[in-house]
Amino acid sequence: MLSRELKHRLNLYKSKGGKISRKRNVERMKDFIAWCNCSPHQTGKRHVHQFFDEKKFAPSTERDYWYAIKTLWELIGRDGAPPKPSKKDEP
């Protein structure tokens, strides 16, 4: 479901900086896109909230996925940052 342009942008992003970190970020971006089952340009706040609610990540993993989604939104030219995951009320 990735467009040719987005694949190119992801490859450019992955080719700069820390190779392992960027490779993992790209994998997280692709996981999010696959989960949404729609074009990245069509993703919105609702998708982000549902993704985090369904996945129930550990806090550090949640943070890593949020940064990956934030980077994805920057790569596709979305204004602003995606919404942060809602705080979990743990007893």
PDB file of N, CA and C in Angstrom:
ATOM      1  N   MET A   1       0.826  -1.195   0.000  1.00  0.00           N
ATOM      2  CA  MET A   1       0.000   0.000   0.000  1.00  0.00           C
ATOM      3  C   MET A   1       0.874   1.264   0.000  1.00  0.00           C
ATOM      4  N   LEU A   2       2.179   1.086   0.016  1.00  0.00           N
ATOM      5  CA  LEU A   2       3.073   2.236  -0.011  1.00  0.00           C
ATOM      6  C   LEU A   2       3.254   2.727  -1.441  1.00  0.00           C
ATOM      7  N   SER A   3       3.140   4.028  -1.604  1.00  0.00           N
ATOM      8  CA  SER A   3       3.370   4.600  -2.924  1.00  0.00           C
ATOM      9  C   SER A   3       4.864   4.595  -3.229  1.00  0.00           C
ATOM     10  N   ARG A   4       5.169   4.732  -4.480  1.00  0.00           N
ATOM     11  CA  ARG A   4       6.570   4.770  -4.894  1.00  0.00           C
ATOM     12  C   ARG A   4       7.307   5.937  -4.236  1.00  0.00           C
ATOM     13  N   GLU A   5       6.620   7.078  -4.169  1.00  0.00           N
ATOM     14  CA  GLU A   5       7.229   8.271  -3.559  1.00  0.00           C
ATOM     15  C   GLU A   5       7.517   8.052  -2.076  1.00  0.00           C
ATOM     16  N   LEU A   6       6.566   7.440  -1.368  1.00  0.00           N
ATOM     17  CA  LEU A   6       6.767   7.210   0.063  1.00  0.00           C
ATOM     18  C   LEU A   6       7.883   6.193   0.297  1.00  0.00           C
ATOM     19  N   LYS A   7       7.950   5.153  -0.515  1.00  0.00           N
ATOM     20  CA  LYS A   7       9.046   4.192  -0.409  1.00  0.00           C
ATOM     21  C   LYS A   7      10.383   4.892  -0.575  1.00  0.00           C
ATOM     22  N   HIS A   8      10.438   5.805  -1.545  1.00  0.00           N
ATOM     23  CA  HIS A   8      11.669   6.557  -1.787  1.00  0.00           C
ATOM     24  C   HIS A   8      12.029   7.411  -0.574  1.00  0.00           C
ATOM     25  N   ARG A   9      11.038   8.108  -0.018  1.00  0.00           N
ATOM     26  CA  ARG A   9      11.294   8.947   1.160  1.00  0.00           C
ATOM     27  C   ARG A   9      11.744   8.121   2.359  1.00  0.00           C
ATOM     28  N   LEU A  10      11.128   6.949   2.543  1.00  0.00           N
ATOM     29  CA  LEU A  10      11.532   6.074   3.647  1.00  0.00           C
ATOM     30  C   LEU A  10      12.962   5.581   3.451  1.00  0.00           C
ATOM     31  N   ASN A  11      13.321   5.246   2.209  1.00  0.00           N
ATOM     32  CA  ASN A  11      14.693   4.805   1.942  1.00  0.00           C
ATOM     33  C   ASN A  11      15.695   5.929   2.167  1.00  0.00           C
ATOM     34  N   LEU A  12      15.353   7.149   1.779  1.00  0.00           N
ATOM     35  CA  LEU A  12      16.239   8.283   2.033  1.00  0.00           C
ATOM     36  C   LEU A  12      16.398   8.517   3.531  1.00  0.00           C
ATOM     37  N   TYR A  13      15.288   8.440   4.266  1.00  0.00           N
ATOM     38  CA  TYR A  13      15.330   8.611   5.717  1.00  0.00           C
ATOM     39  C   TYR A  13      16.211   7.537   6.343  1.00  0.00           C
ATOM     40  N   LYS A  14      16.054   6.297   5.887  1.00  0.00           N
ATOM     41  CA  LYS A  14      16.797   5.175   6.458  1.00  0.00           C
ATOM     42  C   LYS A  14      18.284   5.255   6.146  1.00  0.00           C
ATOM     43  N   SER A  15      18.645   5.894   5.041  1.00  0.00           N
ATOM     44  CA  SER A  15      20.048   5.920   4.617  1.00  0.00           C
ATOM     45  C   SER A  15      20.895   6.947   5.369  1.00  0.00           C
ATOM     46  N   LYS A  16      20.262   7.799   6.171  1.00  0.00           N
ATOM     47  CA  LYS A  16      21.004   8.820   6.914  1.00  0.00           C
ATOM     48  C   LYS A  16      20.884   8.548   8.410  1.00  0.00           C
ATOM     49  N   GLY A  17      21.855   9.021   9.162  1.00  0.00           N
ATOM     50  CA  GLY A  17      21.774   8.869  10.611  1.00  0.00           C
ATOM     51  C   GLY A  17      22.137   7.472  11.069  1.00  0.00           C
ATOM     52  N   GLY A  18      21.733   7.152  12.313  1.00  0.00           N
ATOM     53  CA  GLY A  18      22.013   5.842  12.892  1.00  0.00           C
ATOM     54  C   GLY A  18      21.265   4.754  12.147  1.00  0.00           C
ATOM     55  N   LYS A  19      21.988   3.874  11.524  1.00  0.00           N
ATOM     56  CA  LYS A  19      21.384   2.890  10.628  1.00  0.00           C
ATOM     57  C   LYS A  19      20.406   1.959  11.343  1.00  0.00           C
ATOM     58  N   ILE A  20      20.769   1.421  12.492  1.00  0.00           N
ATOM     59  CA  ILE A  20      19.892   0.483  13.192  1.00  0.00           C
ATOM     60  C   ILE A  20      18.643   1.195  13.692  1.00  0.00           C
ATOM     61  N   SER A  21      18.823   2.356  14.267  1.00  0.00           N
ATOM     62  CA  SER A  21      17.689   3.118  14.791  1.00  0.00           C
ATOM     63  C   SER A  21      16.725   3.506  13.676  1.00  0.00           C
ATOM     64  N   ARG A  22      17.256   3.992  12.590  1.00  0.00           N
ATOM     65  CA  ARG A  22      16.396   4.420  11.480  1.00  0.00           C
ATOM     66  C   ARG A  22      15.707   3.226  10.819  1.00  0.00           C
ATOM     67  N   LYS A  23      16.394   2.106  10.735  1.00  0.00           N
ATOM     68  CA  LYS A  23      15.780   0.904  10.165  1.00  0.00           C
ATOM     69  C   LYS A  23      14.596   0.473  11.034  1.00  0.00           C
ATOM     70  N   ARG A  24      14.766   0.501  12.343  1.00  0.00           N
ATOM     71  CA  ARG A  24      13.672   0.146  13.248  1.00  0.00           C
ATOM     72  C   ARG A  24      12.518   1.138  13.131  1.00  0.00           C
ATOM     73  N   ASN A  25      12.845   2.430  12.998  1.00  0.00           N
ATOM     74  CA  ASN A  25      11.797   3.437  12.837  1.00  0.00           C
ATOM     75  C   ASN A  25      10.978   3.187  11.571  1.00  0.00           C
ATOM     76  N   VAL A  26      11.658   2.860  10.483  1.00  0.00           N
ATOM     77  CA  VAL A  26      10.957   2.580   9.229  1.00  0.00           C
ATOM     78  C   VAL A  26      10.073   1.343   9.388  1.00  0.00           C
ATOM     79  N   GLU A  27      10.567   0.328  10.099  1.00  0.00           N
ATOM     80  CA  GLU A  27       9.750  -0.861  10.354  1.00  0.00           C
ATOM     81  C   GLU A  27       8.500  -0.497  11.161  1.00  0.00           C
ATOM     82  N   ARG A  28       8.652   0.374  12.143  1.00  0.00           N
ATOM     83  CA  ARG A  28       7.500   0.818  12.939  1.00  0.00           C
ATOM     84  C   ARG A  28       6.511   1.600  12.081  1.00  0.00           C
ATOM     85  N   MET A  29       7.025   2.448  11.196  1.00  0.00           N
ATOM     86  CA  MET A  29       6.150   3.203  10.302  1.00  0.00           C
ATOM     87  C   MET A  29       5.354   2.251   9.418  1.00  0.00           C
ATOM     88  N   LYS A  30       6.025   1.247   8.875  1.00  0.00           N
ATOM     89  CA  LYS A  30       5.354   0.277   8.014  1.00  0.00           C
ATOM     90  C   LYS A  30       4.329  -0.538   8.805  1.00  0.00           C
ATOM     91  N   ASP A  31       4.644  -0.862  10.058  1.00  0.00           N
ATOM     92  CA  ASP A  31       3.682  -1.571  10.918  1.00  0.00           C
ATOM     93  C   ASP A  31       2.415  -0.740  11.090  1.00  0.00           C
ATOM     94  N   PHE A  32       2.593   0.545  11.351  1.00  0.00           N
ATOM     95  CA  PHE A  32       1.443   1.432  11.548  1.00  0.00           C
ATOM     96  C   PHE A  32       0.611   1.535  10.266  1.00  0.00           C
ATOM     97  N   ILE A  33       1.281   1.693   9.136  1.00  0.00           N
ATOM     98  CA  ILE A  33       0.579   1.802   7.857  1.00  0.00           C
ATOM     99  C   ILE A  33      -0.183   0.511   7.561  1.00  0.00           C
ATOM    100  N   ALA A  34       0.457  -0.624   7.815  1.00  0.00           N
ATOM    101  CA  ALA A  34      -0.199  -1.913   7.575  1.00  0.00           C
ATOM    102  C   ALA A  34      -1.403  -2.080   8.504  1.00  0.00           C
ATOM    103  N   TRP A  35      -1.267  -1.655   9.737  1.00  0.00           N
ATOM    104  CA  TRP A  35      -2.374  -1.762  10.694  1.00  0.00           C
ATOM    105  C   TRP A  35      -3.553  -0.904  10.242  1.00  0.00           C
ATOM    106  N   CYS A  36      -3.272   0.292   9.766  1.00  0.00           N
ATOM    107  CA  CYS A  36      -4.338   1.209   9.330  1.00  0.00           C
ATOM    108  C   CYS A  36      -5.065   0.674   8.104  1.00  0.00           C
ATOM    109  N   ASN A  37      -4.346  -0.041   7.257  1.00  0.00           N
ATOM    110  CA  ASN A  37      -4.925  -0.595   6.030  1.00  0.00           C
ATOM    111  C   ASN A  37      -5.503   0.503   5.138  1.00  0.00           C
ATOM    112  N   CYS A  38      -4.811   1.632   5.100  1.00  0.00           N
ATOM    113  CA  CYS A  38      -5.202   2.730   4.220  1.00  0.00           C
ATOM    114  C   CYS A  38      -3.955   3.518   3.858  1.00  0.00           C
ATOM    115  N   SER A  39      -4.123   4.481   3.006  1.00  0.00           N
ATOM    116  CA  SER A  39      -3.005   5.335   2.612  1.00  0.00           C
ATOM    117  C   SER A  39      -2.531   6.147   3.818  1.00  0.00           C
ATOM    118  N   PRO A  40      -1.221   6.340   3.971  1.00  0.00           N
ATOM    119  CA  PRO A  40      -0.725   7.158   5.084  1.00  0.00           C
ATOM    120  C   PRO A  40      -1.301   8.576   5.075  1.00  0.00           C
ATOM    121  N   HIS A  41      -1.645   9.066   3.886  1.00  0.00           N
ATOM    122  CA  HIS A  41      -2.222  10.409   3.790  1.00  0.00           C
ATOM    123  C   HIS A  41      -3.628  10.462   4.375  1.00  0.00           C
ATOM    124  N   GLN A  42      -4.269   9.303   4.524  1.00  0.00           N
ATOM    125  CA  GLN A  42      -5.621   9.245   5.059  1.00  0.00           C
ATOM    126  C   GLN A  42      -5.653   8.993   6.564  1.00  0.00           C
ATOM    127  N   THR A  43      -4.507   8.766   7.169  1.00  0.00           N
ATOM    128  CA  THR A  43      -4.490   8.489   8.606  1.00  0.00           C
ATOM    129  C   THR A  43      -4.747   9.768   9.383  1.00  0.00           C
ATOM    130  N   GLY A  44      -5.374   9.603  10.509  1.00  0.00           N
ATOM    131  CA  GLY A  44      -5.693  10.758  11.338  1.00  0.00           C
ATOM    132  C   GLY A  44      -5.560  10.429  12.806  1.00  0.00           C
ATOM    133  N   LYS A  45      -6.043  11.351  13.620  1.00  0.00           N
ATOM    134  CA  LYS A  45      -5.941  11.190  15.065  1.00  0.00           C
ATOM    135  C   LYS A  45      -6.637   9.924  15.544  1.00  0.00           C
ATOM    136  N   ARG A  46      -7.786   9.634  14.952  1.00  0.00           N
ATOM    137  CA  ARG A  46      -8.542   8.454  15.349  1.00  0.00           C
ATOM    138  C   ARG A  46      -7.717   7.185  15.129  1.00  0.00           C
ATOM    139  N   HIS A  47      -7.018   7.115  13.989  1.00  0.00           N
ATOM    140  CA  HIS A  47      -6.178   5.949  13.708  1.00  0.00           C
ATOM    141  C   HIS A  47      -5.080   5.799  14.769  1.00  0.00           C
ATOM    142  N   VAL A  48      -4.465   6.912  15.114  1.00  0.00           N
ATOM    143  CA  VAL A  48      -3.366   6.873  16.084  1.00  0.00           C
ATOM    144  C   VAL A  48      -3.882   6.402  17.439  1.00  0.00           C
ATOM    145  N   HIS A  49      -4.993   6.966  17.896  1.00  0.00           N
ATOM    146  CA  HIS A  49      -5.546   6.563  19.196  1.00  0.00           C
ATOM    147  C   HIS A  49      -5.955   5.092  19.191  1.00  0.00           C
ATOM    148  N   GLN A  50      -6.626   4.648  18.142  1.00  0.00           N
ATOM    149  CA  GLN A  50      -7.047   3.251  18.070  1.00  0.00           C
ATOM    150  C   GLN A  50      -5.853   2.308  18.014  1.00  0.00           C
ATOM    151  N   PHE A  51      -4.805   2.704  17.300  1.00  0.00           N
ATOM    152  CA  PHE A  51      -3.597   1.887  17.196  1.00  0.00           C
ATOM    153  C   PHE A  51      -3.003   1.650  18.579  1.00  0.00           C
ATOM    154  N   PHE A  52      -2.826   2.719  19.334  1.00  0.00           N
ATOM    155  CA  PHE A  52      -2.227   2.573  20.658  1.00  0.00           C
ATOM    156  C   PHE A  52      -3.163   1.870  21.641  1.00  0.00           C
ATOM    157  N   ASP A  53      -4.454   2.123  21.539  1.00  0.00           N
ATOM    158  CA  ASP A  53      -5.412   1.450  22.423  1.00  0.00           C
ATOM    159  C   ASP A  53      -5.422  -0.055  22.172  1.00  0.00           C
ATOM    160  N   GLU A  54      -5.350  -0.440  20.911  1.00  0.00           N
ATOM    161  CA  GLU A  54      -5.395  -1.857  20.566  1.00  0.00           C
ATOM    162  C   GLU A  54      -4.099  -2.580  20.906  1.00  0.00           C
ATOM    163  N   LYS A  55      -2.974  -1.943  20.659  1.00  0.00           N
ATOM    164  CA  LYS A  55      -1.679  -2.604  20.823  1.00  0.00           C
ATOM    165  C   LYS A  55      -1.243  -2.737  22.284  1.00  0.00           C
ATOM    166  N   LYS A  56      -1.586  -1.781  23.128  1.00  0.00           N
ATOM    167  CA  LYS A  56      -1.228  -1.819  24.552  1.00  0.00           C
ATOM    168  C   LYS A  56       0.277  -2.072  24.756  1.00  0.00           C
ATOM    169  N   PHE A  57       1.072  -1.183  24.173  1.00  0.00           N
ATOM    170  CA  PHE A  57       2.520  -1.284  24.264  1.00  0.00           C
ATOM    171  C   PHE A  57       3.015  -0.914  25.659  1.00  0.00           C
ATOM    172  N   ALA A  58       4.229  -1.351  25.963  1.00  0.00           N
ATOM    173  CA  ALA A  58       4.937  -0.861  27.142  1.00  0.00           C
ATOM    174  C   ALA A  58       5.259   0.610  26.889  1.00  0.00           C
ATOM    175  N   PRO A  59       5.439   1.405  27.950  1.00  0.00           N
ATOM    176  CA  PRO A  59       5.672   2.846  27.757  1.00  0.00           C
ATOM    177  C   PRO A  59       6.823   3.189  26.808  1.00  0.00           C
ATOM    178  N   SER A  60       7.931   2.473  26.904  1.00  0.00           N
ATOM    179  CA  SER A  60       9.067   2.803  26.028  1.00  0.00           C
ATOM    180  C   SER A  60       8.767   2.437  24.572  1.00  0.00           C
ATOM    181  N   THR A  61       8.087   1.334  24.351  1.00  0.00           N
ATOM    182  CA  THR A  61       7.716   0.936  22.992  1.00  0.00           C
ATOM    183  C   THR A  61       6.690   1.902  22.428  1.00  0.00           C
ATOM    184  N   GLU A  62       5.760   2.320  23.262  1.00  0.00           N
ATOM    185  CA  GLU A  62       4.751   3.301  22.854  1.00  0.00           C
ATOM    186  C   GLU A  62       5.415   4.595  22.406  1.00  0.00           C
ATOM    187  N   ARG A  63       6.407   5.030  23.169  1.00  0.00           N
ATOM    188  CA  ARG A  63       7.147   6.249  22.822  1.00  0.00           C
ATOM    189  C   ARG A  63       7.845   6.083  21.476  1.00  0.00           C
ATOM    190  N   ASP A  64       8.487   4.933  21.265  1.00  0.00           N
ATOM    191  CA  ASP A  64       9.201   4.687  20.015  1.00  0.00           C
ATOM    192  C   ASP A  64       8.249   4.696  18.822  1.00  0.00           C
ATOM    193  N   TYR A  65       7.086   4.071  18.977  1.00  0.00           N
ATOM    194  CA  TYR A  65       6.098   4.080  17.892  1.00  0.00           C
ATOM    195  C   TYR A  65       5.560   5.482  17.656  1.00  0.00           C
ATOM    196  N   TRP A  66       5.367   6.259  18.716  1.00  0.00           N
ATOM    197  CA  TRP A  66       4.866   7.622  18.538  1.00  0.00           C
ATOM    198  C   TRP A  66       5.873   8.456  17.738  1.00  0.00           C
ATOM    199  N   TYR A  67       7.152   8.327  18.070  1.00  0.00           N
ATOM    200  CA  TYR A  67       8.169   9.065  17.312  1.00  0.00           C
ATOM    201  C   TYR A  67       8.219   8.603  15.853  1.00  0.00           C
ATOM    202  N   ALA A  68       8.027   7.316  15.612  1.00  0.00           N
ATOM    203  CA  ALA A  68       8.016   6.808  14.233  1.00  0.00           C
ATOM    204  C   ALA A  68       6.825   7.381  13.464  1.00  0.00           C
ATOM    205  N   ILE A  69       5.656   7.423  14.110  1.00  0.00           N
ATOM    206  CA  ILE A  69       4.470   7.984  13.451  1.00  0.00           C
ATOM    207  C   ILE A  69       4.662   9.471  13.210  1.00  0.00           C
ATOM    208  N   LYS A  70       5.273  10.140  14.163  1.00  0.00           N
ATOM    209  CA  LYS A  70       5.562  11.581  14.011  1.00  0.00           C
ATOM    210  C   LYS A  70       6.475  11.803  12.795  1.00  0.00           C
ATOM    211  N   THR A  71       7.500  10.991  12.665  1.00  0.00           N
ATOM    212  CA  THR A  71       8.412  11.104  11.529  1.00  0.00           C
ATOM    213  C   THR A  71       7.691  10.789  10.220  1.00  0.00           C
ATOM    214  N   LEU A  72       6.828   9.783  10.245  1.00  0.00           N
ATOM    215  CA  LEU A  72       6.039   9.449   9.053  1.00  0.00           C
ATOM    216  C   LEU A  72       5.209  10.643   8.619  1.00  0.00           C
ATOM    217  N   TRP A  73       4.546  11.303   9.569  1.00  0.00           N
ATOM    218  CA  TRP A  73       3.724  12.470   9.236  1.00  0.00           C
ATOM    219  C   TRP A  73       4.581  13.586   8.655  1.00  0.00           C
ATOM    220  N   GLU A  74       5.801  13.749   9.159  1.00  0.00           N
ATOM    221  CA  GLU A  74       6.703  14.764   8.597  1.00  0.00           C
ATOM    222  C   GLU A  74       7.097  14.401   7.166  1.00  0.00           C
ATOM    223  N   LEU A  75       7.365  13.119   6.929  1.00  0.00           N
ATOM    224  CA  LEU A  75       7.783  12.677   5.600  1.00  0.00           C
ATOM    225  C   LEU A  75       6.685  12.842   4.555  1.00  0.00           C
ATOM    226  N   ILE A  76       5.426  12.694   4.967  1.00  0.00           N
ATOM    227  CA  ILE A  76       4.340  12.842   4.001  1.00  0.00           C
ATOM    228  C   ILE A  76       3.818  14.277   3.941  1.00  0.00           C
ATOM    229  N   GLY A  77       4.386  15.163   4.766  1.00  0.00           N
ATOM    230  CA  GLY A  77       4.033  16.569   4.688  1.00  0.00           C
ATOM    231  C   GLY A  77       2.807  16.977   5.488  1.00  0.00           C
ATOM    232  N   ARG A  78       2.461  16.207   6.506  1.00  0.00           N
ATOM    233  CA  ARG A  78       1.319  16.566   7.353  1.00  0.00           C
ATOM    234  C   ARG A  78       1.731  17.692   8.298  1.00  0.00           C
ATOM    235  N   ASP A  79       0.803  18.615   8.541  1.00  0.00           N
ATOM    236  CA  ASP A  79       1.069  19.698   9.488  1.00  0.00           C
ATOM    237  C   ASP A  79       0.859  19.193  10.907  1.00  0.00           C
ATOM    238  N   GLY A  80       1.712  19.628  11.803  1.00  0.00           N
ATOM    239  CA  GLY A  80       1.569  19.264  13.201  1.00  0.00           C
ATOM    240  C   GLY A  80       2.029  17.847  13.482  1.00  0.00           C
ATOM    241  N   ALA A  81       1.985  17.503  14.744  1.00  0.00           N
ATOM    242  CA  ALA A  81       2.399  16.174  15.183  1.00  0.00           C
ATOM    243  C   ALA A  81       1.164  15.318  15.444  1.00  0.00           C
ATOM    244  N   PRO A  82       1.306  14.017  15.361  1.00  0.00           N
ATOM    245  CA  PRO A  82       0.169  13.156  15.684  1.00  0.00           C
ATOM    246  C   PRO A  82      -0.166  13.279  17.169  1.00  0.00           C
ATOM    247  N   PRO A  83      -1.376  12.932  17.553  1.00  0.00           N
ATOM    248  CA  PRO A  83      -1.728  13.029  18.967  1.00  0.00           C
ATOM    249  C   PRO A  83      -0.939  12.026  19.788  1.00  0.00           C
ATOM    250  N   LYS A  84      -0.624  12.418  20.989  1.00  0.00           N
ATOM    251  CA  LYS A  84       0.078  11.504  21.887  1.00  0.00           C
ATOM    252  C   LYS A  84      -0.900  10.442  22.359  1.00  0.00           C
ATOM    253  N   PRO A  85      -0.376   9.258  22.663  1.00  0.00           N
ATOM    254  CA  PRO A  85      -1.264   8.210  23.182  1.00  0.00           C
ATOM    255  C   PRO A  85      -1.899   8.672  24.493  1.00  0.00           C
ATOM    256  N   SER A  86      -3.127   8.229  24.712  1.00  0.00           N
ATOM    257  CA  SER A  86      -3.800   8.607  25.944  1.00  0.00           C
ATOM    258  C   SER A  86      -3.128   7.929  27.114  1.00  0.00           C
ATOM    259  N   LYS A  87      -3.103   8.611  28.248  1.00  0.00           N
ATOM    260  CA  LYS A  87      -2.477   8.074  29.456  1.00  0.00           C
ATOM    261  C   LYS A  87      -3.283   6.901  29.970  1.00  0.00           C
ATOM    262  N   LYS A  88      -2.581   5.873  30.360  1.00  0.00           N
ATOM    263  CA  LYS A  88      -3.236   4.693  30.902  1.00  0.00           C
ATOM    264  C   LYS A  88      -3.417   4.891  32.404  1.00  0.00           C
ATOM    265  N   ASP A  89      -4.622   4.632  32.856  1.00  0.00           N
ATOM    266  CA  ASP A  89      -4.902   4.733  34.286  1.00  0.00           C
ATOM    267  C   ASP A  89      -4.688   3.366  34.921  1.00  0.00           C
ATOM    268  N   GLU A  90      -3.511   3.173  35.473  1.00  0.00           N
ATOM    269  CA  GLU A  90      -3.177   1.900  36.108  1.00  0.00           C
ATOM    270  C   GLU A  90      -3.413   2.026  37.603  1.00  0.00           C
ATOM    271  N   PRO A  91      -4.010   1.007  38.236  1.00  0.00           N
ATOM    272  CA  PRO A  91      -4.216   1.076  39.687  1.00  0.00           C
ATOM    273  C   PRO A  91      -2.946   0.906  40.457  1.00  0.00           C
TER     274      PRO A  91
END
